[in-house]
C-alpha atoms as a PDB file:
ATOM      1  CA  MET A   1      68.331 112.126 114.177  1.00  0.00           C
ATOM      2  CA  ILE A   2      68.124 115.614 114.027  1.00  0.00           C
ATOM      3  CA  LYS A   3      70.536 116.047 117.216  1.00  0.00           C
ATOM      4  CA  LEU A   4      73.004 113.658 115.410  1.00  0.00           C
ATOM      5  CA  LEU A   5      72.602 116.218 112.680  1.00  0.00           C
ATOM      6  CA  ALA A   6      73.073 119.595 114.403  1.00  0.00           C
ATOM      7  CA  ALA A   7      76.081 117.746 116.646  1.00  0.00           C
ATOM      8  CA  VAL A   8      77.596 117.106 113.298  1.00  0.00           C
ATOM      9  CA  LEU A   9      76.926 120.732 111.815  1.00  0.00           C
ATOM     10  CA  ILE A  10      78.309 122.541 114.975  1.00  0.00           C
ATOM     11  CA  PHE A  11      81.268 120.197 114.373  1.00  0.00           C
ATOM     12  CA  MET A  12      82.323 121.324 111.439  1.00  0.00           C
ATOM     13  CA  SER A  13      81.589 124.493 111.942  1.00  0.00           C
ATOM     14  CA  CYS A  14      84.047 124.523 114.598  1.00  0.00           C
ATOM     15  CA  THR A  15      86.703 122.533 112.877  1.00  0.00           C
ATOM     16  CA  PHE A  16      87.122 124.896 109.966  1.00  0.00           C
ATOM     17  CA  LYS A  17      86.787 127.949 111.380  1.00  0.00           C
ATOM     18  CA  ASN A  18      90.570 129.097 111.505  1.00  0.00           C
ATOM     19  CA  ALA A  19      91.691 127.052 108.452  1.00  0.00           C
ATOM     20  CA  PRO A  20      92.927 128.509 105.442  1.00  0.00           C
ATOM     21  CA  ASN A  21      91.576 127.425 102.157  1.00  0.00           C
ATOM     22  CA  LYS A  22      95.075 126.099 101.180  1.00  0.00           C
ATOM     23  CA  GLU A  23      95.852 125.948  97.457  1.00  0.00           C
ATOM     24  CA  PRO A  24      96.334 122.261  96.288  1.00  0.00           C
ATOM     25  CA  TYR A  25      99.724 121.500  95.053  1.00  0.00           C
ATOM     26  CA  THR A  26      99.638 121.664  91.496  1.00  0.00           C
ATOM     27  CA  SER A  27     101.553 118.716  91.351  1.00  0.00           C
ATOM     28  CA  LEU A  28     102.875 116.318  94.206  1.00  0.00           C
ATOM     29  CA  PRO A  29     106.656 117.595  94.945  1.00  0.00           C
ATOM     30  CA  SER A  30     108.630 114.280  94.715  1.00  0.00           C
ATOM     31  CA  TYR A  31     112.330 113.811  95.716  1.00  0.00           C
ATOM     32  CA  PRO A  32     114.194 110.558  94.507  1.00  0.00           C
ATOM     33  CA  VAL A  33     116.837 110.053  97.381  1.00  0.00           C
ATOM     34  CA  SER A  34     120.149 107.663  97.121  1.00  0.00           C
ATOM     35  CA  LYS A  35     119.157 105.238  99.430  1.00  0.00           C
ATOM     36  CA  ASN A  36     116.914 102.252 100.247  1.00  0.00           C
ATOM     37  CA  ILE A  37     113.691 102.437 101.503  1.00  0.00           C
ATOM     38  CA  GLU A  38     114.957 101.540 104.869  1.00  0.00           C
ATOM     39  CA  ASP A  39     117.722 103.828 104.386  1.00  0.00           C
ATOM     40  CA  ALA A  40     115.121 106.530 103.646  1.00  0.00           C
ATOM     41  CA  TRP A  41     112.259 105.505 106.547  1.00  0.00           C
ATOM     42  CA  LYS A  42     115.086 105.861 109.090  1.00  0.00           C
ATOM     43  CA  SER A  43     116.384 109.415 107.621  1.00  0.00           C
ATOM     44  CA  THR A  44     113.065 110.776 107.562  1.00  0.00           C
ATOM     45  CA  LEU A  45     112.058 109.810 110.669  1.00  0.00           C
ATOM     46  CA  ALA A  46     115.928 111.290 112.198  1.00  0.00           C
ATOM     47  CA  PHE A  47     115.640 114.120 110.686  1.00  0.00           C
ATOM     48  CA  PHE A  48     112.341 115.254 112.169  1.00  0.00           C
ATOM     49  CA  SER A  49     113.827 114.286 115.939  1.00  0.00           C
ATOM     50  CA  SER A  50     117.190 116.488 115.190  1.00  0.00           C
ATOM     51  CA  LYS A  51     114.376 119.419 114.804  1.00  0.00           C
ATOM     52  CA  ASN A  52     112.436 118.158 117.731  1.00  0.00           C
ATOM     53  CA  ILE A  53     109.083 117.384 115.516  1.00  0.00           C
ATOM     54  CA  LYS A  54     107.099 114.896 117.419  1.00  0.00           C
ATOM     55  CA  VAL A  55     105.659 111.982 114.522  1.00  0.00           C
ATOM     56  CA  VAL A  56     102.276 111.212 115.320  1.00  0.00           C
ATOM     57  CA  HIS A  57     101.608 108.448 112.570  1.00  0.00           C
ATOM     58  CA  ALA A  58     104.502 105.971 111.050  1.00  0.00           C
ATOM     59  CA  GLU A  59     103.354 103.090 109.461  1.00  0.00           C
ATOM     60  CA  LYS A  60     105.318 101.366 106.358  1.00  0.00           C
ATOM     61  CA  SER A  61     102.462  99.379 105.199  1.00  0.00           C
ATOM     62  CA  SER A  62     101.059 102.720 104.531  1.00  0.00           C
ATOM     63  CA  GLU A  63     104.296 104.608 103.500  1.00  0.00           C
ATOM     64  CA  TYR A  64     103.373 107.420 105.648  1.00  0.00           C
ATOM     65  CA  ILE A  65     105.070 109.657 107.919  1.00  0.00           C
ATOM     66  CA  ILE A  66     102.798 112.495 109.772  1.00  0.00           C
ATOM     67  CA  THR A  67     103.401 114.794 112.623  1.00  0.00           C
ATOM     68  CA  GLU A  68     102.604 116.925 114.580  1.00  0.00           C
ATOM     69  CA  PRO A  69     101.804 120.470 113.887  1.00  0.00           C
ATOM     70  CA  VAL A  70     104.727 122.501 113.518  1.00  0.00           C
ATOM     71  CA  PRO A  71     105.270 126.771 113.563  1.00  0.00           C
ATOM     72  CA  VAL A  72     105.625 127.817 110.334  1.00  0.00           C
ATOM     73  CA  GLN A  73     106.784 131.099 109.340  1.00  0.00           C
ATOM     74  CA  CYS A  74     104.589 132.809 107.195  1.00  0.00           C
ATOM     75  CA  GLY A  75     105.260 135.709 103.805  1.00  0.00           C
ATOM     76  CA  ASN A  76     103.715 136.903 100.810  1.00  0.00           C
ATOM     77  CA  GLU A  77     104.991 136.170  97.476  1.00  0.00           C
ATOM     78  CA  THR A  78     108.062 137.953  97.508  1.00  0.00           C
ATOM     79  CA  ASP A  79     109.288 136.828 101.127  1.00  0.00           C
ATOM     80  CA  ASN A  80     112.294 134.276 100.411  1.00  0.00           C
ATOM     81  CA  ASP A  81     112.375 133.284 104.406  1.00  0.00           C
ATOM     82  CA  ALA A  82     108.836 132.020 104.761  1.00  0.00           C
ATOM     83  CA  ASP A  83     107.729 128.294 105.076  1.00  0.00           C
ATOM     84  CA  ILE A  84     104.465 129.381 103.730  1.00  0.00           C
ATOM     85  CA  ILE A  85     102.905 132.002 101.457  1.00  0.00           C
ATOM     86  CA  ILE A  86      99.918 133.834 102.029  1.00  0.00           C
ATOM     87  CA  THR A  87      98.313 134.701  99.108  1.00  0.00           C
ATOM     88  CA  ASP A  88      95.087 136.646 100.403  1.00  0.00           C
ATOM     89  CA  ALA A  89      95.952 139.470 102.745  1.00  0.00           C
ATOM     90  CA  ASP A  90      97.658 142.732 103.375  1.00  0.00           C
ATOM     91  CA  ASN A  91      97.968 141.825 106.688  1.00  0.00           C
ATOM     92  CA  VAL A  92     100.313 138.224 106.742  1.00  0.00           C
ATOM     93  CA  PRO A  93     100.483 136.935 110.517  1.00  0.00           C
ATOM     94  CA  ALA A  94     103.928 136.426 111.512  1.00  0.00           C
ATOM     95  CA  THR A  95     103.380 132.541 112.224  1.00  0.00           C
ATOM     96  CA  ALA A  96     101.342 129.362 111.644  1.00  0.00           C
ATOM     97  CA  THR A  97     100.819 125.672 111.915  1.00  0.00           C
ATOM     98  CA  ALA A  98     101.370 122.992 109.999  1.00  0.00           C
ATOM     99  CA  ARG A  99     101.954 118.762 110.110  1.00  0.00           C
ATOM    100  CA  TYR A 100     104.948 117.040 107.715  1.00  0.00           C
ATOM    101  CA  LYS A 101     103.045 114.412 105.525  1.00  0.00           C
ATOM    102  CA  VAL A 102     105.965 112.471 103.694  1.00  0.00           C
ATOM    103  CA  LYS A 103     105.604 109.324 101.922  1.00  0.00           C
ATOM    104  CA  VAL A 104     108.392 107.050 101.274  1.00  0.00           C
ATOM    105  CA  THR A 105     108.215 104.728  98.599  1.00  0.00           C
ATOM    106  CA  GLN A 106     109.523 103.680  95.028  1.00  0.00           C
ATOM    107  CA  VAL A 107     108.777 105.308  92.095  1.00  0.00           C
ATOM    108  CA  TYR A 108     110.145 103.637  88.744  1.00  0.00           C
ATOM    109  CA  GLY A 109     112.086 101.894  90.630  1.00  0.00           C
ATOM    110  CA  GLN A 110     113.942 104.379  92.716  1.00  0.00           C
ATOM    111  CA  THR A 111     112.936 105.480  96.530  1.00  0.00           C
ATOM    112  CA  THR A 112     111.420 108.723  96.164  1.00  0.00           C
ATOM    113  CA  LEU A 113     110.146 110.918  99.255  1.00  0.00           C
ATOM    114  CA  ILE A 114     106.753 112.927  98.780  1.00  0.00           C
ATOM    115  CA  PRO A 115     106.870 115.589 101.138  1.00  0.00           C
ATOM    116  CA  THR A 116     103.721 117.913 101.714  1.00  0.00           C
ATOM    117  CA  LEU A 117     102.677 120.464 103.997  1.00  0.00           C
ATOM    118  CA  GLU A 118      98.892 119.953 105.249  1.00  0.00           C
ATOM    119  CA  ASP A 119      96.814 121.044 108.056  1.00  0.00           C
ATOM    120  CA  ILE A 120      97.771 124.685 107.924  1.00  0.00           C
ATOM    121  CA  HIS A 121      96.405 127.050 110.040  1.00  0.00           C
ATOM    122  CA  THR A 122      96.385 130.899 111.063  1.00  0.00           C
ATOM    123  CA  SER A 123      95.636 131.752 114.430  1.00  0.00           C
ATOM    124  CA  ASP A 124      92.918 134.709 114.065  1.00  0.00           C
ATOM    125  CA  GLN A 125      91.980 134.516 110.114  1.00  0.00           C
ATOM    126  CA  ASN A 126      91.006 132.556 106.891  1.00  0.00           C
ATOM    127  CA  HIS A 127      93.454 132.567 104.192  1.00  0.00           C
ATOM    128  CA  ALA A 128      94.454 130.904 101.322  1.00  0.00           C
ATOM    129  CA  ALA A 129      97.834 129.486 102.234  1.00  0.00           C
ATOM    130  CA  LYS A 130     100.421 127.224 100.203  1.00  0.00           C
ATOM    131  CA  SER A 131     103.950 125.766 100.910  1.00  0.00           C
ATOM    132  CA  THR A 132     107.203 127.348  99.725  1.00  0.00           C
ATOM    133  CA  GLY A 133     108.761 124.039  99.110  1.00  0.00           C
ATOM    134  CA  LYS A 134     111.952 125.125 101.472  1.00  0.00           C
ATOM    135  CA  LEU A 135     111.010 123.017 104.220  1.00  0.00           C
ATOM    136  CA  GLU A 136     110.069 119.838 101.387  1.00  0.00           C
ATOM    137  CA  LYS A 137     113.458 120.729 100.007  1.00  0.00           C
ATOM    138  CA  MET A 138     115.486 120.892 103.141  1.00  0.00           C
ATOM    139  CA  LEU A 139     113.895 117.177 104.596  1.00  0.00           C
ATOM    140  CA  SER A 140     114.585 116.028 101.458  1.00  0.00           C
ATOM    141  CA  GLU A 141     118.315 117.438 101.333  1.00  0.00           C
ATOM    142  CA  TYR A 142     118.886 115.848 105.102  1.00  0.00           C
ATOM    143  CA  VAL A 143     117.429 112.349 103.660  1.00  0.00           C
ATOM    144  CA  ASN A 144     120.327 112.239 100.650  1.00  0.00           C
ATOM    145  CA  GLN A 145     122.929 113.149 103.298  1.00  0.00           C
END
């Protein structure tokens, strides 16, 4: 029993070593789209394919599409080009990794995308990070075409 507890503690300490303390979304971003569920699902997958982003989970019954970690641009509060904002560092790393998690669902009868960036990791230090919404908006614009 003690060996099992020790193994779990070691695993947990390794897993979160370089994970930033991501600030949660105050509310999940949602984007109504002008397509039905099937077409929105296909367009979302096409978006990831066009960006050479590998999808690791796509299950219509759960309504989720999840990608592998991809590089994202880091910045601070004043950086308009950033994909994520690092809120607690003077030296902001240039890049980090994150994965898309997109829910394709119906909200009040309207097909809606609920995309988020999750599992944000920097390579060197622990930082608080949050998405700027730039990548999520780009996905919704692509699906709405």
